[in-house]
């Protein structure tokens, strides 16, 4: 009489293109779920489909290209900040915090915000 095997269900959850299928396939492979002939066939085909030839970007400051994720991150140009224009701070939200007061939340589009600055609608263009 065969011994009873305890089985469990595994659910792989993640965002699109986060590696769910790759992780599951690797798990099946490591657990012996794929026969060696199939693995040899895919390894041989992979050595011939190289699919990734690198990346390229064209921009005014100059072109960039590479092959690795670190090269991509290094090639990112920081955004240009216009500090010589008046302060423009579009508000996303306003919080009233006890003991602190009113706290506006937003992203500085132009200009410079310094610690201790007092803002009124006449000194800054506040867009709600």
Protein backbone atom coordinates (compact mmCIF):
# COMPACT_ATOMS: atom_id res chain seq x y z
CA UNK A 1 0.00 0.00 0.00
CA UNK A 2 1.53 3.37 -1.02
CA UNK A 3 2.22 5.96 1.64
CA UNK A 4 0.07 9.05 1.50
CA UNK A 5 1.88 12.24 0.51
CA UNK A 6 0.90 15.54 2.07
CA UNK A 7 0.33 18.15 -0.63
CA UNK A 8 0.09 21.87 -0.32
CA UNK A 9 -1.02 24.56 -2.77
CA UNK A 10 1.31 27.45 -3.48
CA UNK A 11 0.07 30.77 -4.86
CA UNK A 12 2.57 33.12 -6.53
CA UNK A 13 1.35 36.72 -6.42
CA UNK A 14 3.05 39.81 -7.88
CA UNK A 15 2.83 42.72 -10.25
CA UNK A 16 3.04 42.39 -14.03
CA UNK A 17 6.58 41.49 -15.18
CA UNK A 18 7.80 40.92 -11.62
CA UNK A 19 9.17 37.44 -12.36
CA UNK A 20 6.32 35.18 -11.23
CA UNK A 21 6.65 32.75 -14.15
CA UNK A 22 10.44 32.72 -13.99
CA UNK A 23 10.41 32.01 -10.25
CA UNK A 24 7.81 29.27 -10.61
CA UNK A 25 9.66 27.66 -13.52
CA UNK A 26 12.92 27.73 -11.58
CA UNK A 27 11.18 26.13 -8.59
CA UNK A 28 9.75 23.36 -10.78
CA UNK A 29 13.19 22.82 -12.36
CA UNK A 30 14.98 22.67 -8.99
CA UNK A 31 12.42 20.19 -7.65
CA UNK A 32 13.04 17.83 -10.60
CA UNK A 33 9.84 18.57 -12.48
CA UNK A 34 11.61 18.96 -15.85
CA UNK A 35 13.49 16.09 -17.48
CA UNK A 36 17.18 16.66 -18.38
CA UNK A 37 16.59 16.29 -22.16
CA UNK A 38 14.18 19.23 -22.18
CA UNK A 39 16.66 21.34 -20.21
CA UNK A 40 19.47 20.49 -22.67
CA UNK A 41 17.21 21.42 -25.60
CA UNK A 42 16.42 24.85 -24.12
CA UNK A 43 20.05 25.51 -23.12
CA UNK A 44 21.15 24.74 -26.69
CA UNK A 45 18.48 27.05 -28.16
CA UNK A 46 19.40 29.84 -25.72
CA UNK A 47 23.07 29.62 -26.67
CA UNK A 48 22.14 30.16 -30.37
CA UNK A 49 17.75 33.37 -29.69
CA UNK A 50 20.38 36.10 -27.97
CA UNK A 51 17.41 38.29 -27.61
CA UNK A 52 18.90 41.19 -25.64
CA UNK A 53 21.21 43.41 -27.63
CA UNK A 54 21.42 46.28 -25.16
CA UNK A 55 19.63 49.61 -24.89
CA UNK A 56 20.00 52.99 -26.60
CA UNK A 57 18.62 56.46 -25.92
CA UNK A 58 18.84 59.59 -28.05
CA UNK A 59 18.53 63.00 -26.42
CA UNK A 60 19.69 66.57 -26.88
CA UNK A 61 22.46 66.30 -24.29
CA UNK A 62 23.97 63.34 -26.12
CA UNK A 63 23.23 59.72 -26.86
CA UNK A 64 23.74 56.90 -24.38
CA UNK A 65 23.79 53.11 -24.68
CA UNK A 66 24.76 50.07 -22.65
CA UNK A 67 23.85 46.56 -21.59
CA UNK A 68 23.29 46.57 -17.82
CA UNK A 69 20.75 48.04 -15.41
CA UNK A 70 23.49 50.00 -13.63
CA UNK A 71 24.44 51.68 -16.92
CA UNK A 72 20.81 52.66 -17.41
CA UNK A 73 20.63 54.18 -13.93
CA UNK A 74 23.91 56.04 -14.45
CA UNK A 75 22.66 57.52 -17.73
CA UNK A 76 19.53 59.12 -16.24
CA UNK A 77 19.72 62.90 -16.48
CA UNK A 78 18.47 64.79 -13.43
CA UNK A 79 15.50 67.11 -14.04
CA UNK A 80 16.23 70.77 -14.72
CA UNK A 81 15.10 72.97 -11.85
CA UNK A 82 14.12 76.53 -12.65
CA UNK A 83 15.23 78.40 -9.55
CA UNK A 84 15.34 81.86 -11.14
CA UNK A 85 11.54 82.07 -11.53
CA UNK A 86 8.94 82.87 -8.83
CA UNK A 87 7.94 80.11 -6.44
CA UNK A 88 5.19 77.92 -7.87
CA UNK A 89 3.86 75.29 -5.50
CA UNK A 90 0.76 73.41 -6.73
CA UNK A 91 -1.01 72.02 -3.67
CA UNK A 92 -1.98 68.37 -3.60
CA UNK A 93 -3.45 68.36 -0.12
CA UNK A 94 -3.70 70.42 3.06
CA UNK A 95 -3.51 68.89 6.54
CA UNK A 96 -4.48 70.56 9.83
CA UNK A 97 -2.29 69.11 12.56
CA UNK A 98 -2.94 70.00 16.18
CA UNK A 99 0.00 71.80 17.78
CA UNK A 100 1.65 72.31 14.38
CA UNK A 101 -0.94 74.14 12.32
CA UNK A 102 -1.84 73.94 8.66
CA UNK A 103 0.57 71.87 6.56
CA UNK A 104 0.30 72.20 2.77
CA UNK A 105 1.56 69.29 0.65
CA UNK A 106 2.78 69.72 -2.92
CA UNK A 107 5.72 69.67 -5.31
CA UNK A 108 7.80 72.73 -6.04
CA UNK A 109 7.55 73.39 -9.78
CA UNK A 110 9.68 76.56 -9.98
CA UNK A 111 11.57 78.76 -7.55
CA UNK A 112 13.15 77.93 -4.20
CA UNK A 113 11.52 77.23 -0.83
CA UNK A 114 13.78 77.93 2.14
CA UNK A 115 13.28 76.92 5.79
CA UNK A 116 11.30 79.49 7.75
CA UNK A 117 9.77 81.13 4.66
CA UNK A 118 6.24 82.43 5.15
CA UNK A 119 4.03 81.93 2.14
CA UNK A 120 0.94 83.86 1.23
CA UNK A 121 -0.97 83.74 -2.06
CA UNK A 122 0.64 87.06 -3.03
CA UNK A 123 4.25 85.82 -2.63
CA UNK A 124 3.75 82.49 -4.39
CA UNK A 125 1.50 81.24 -7.13
CA UNK A 126 -0.46 78.58 -5.30
CA UNK A 127 -2.45 76.39 -7.66
CA UNK A 128 -5.02 74.15 -5.99
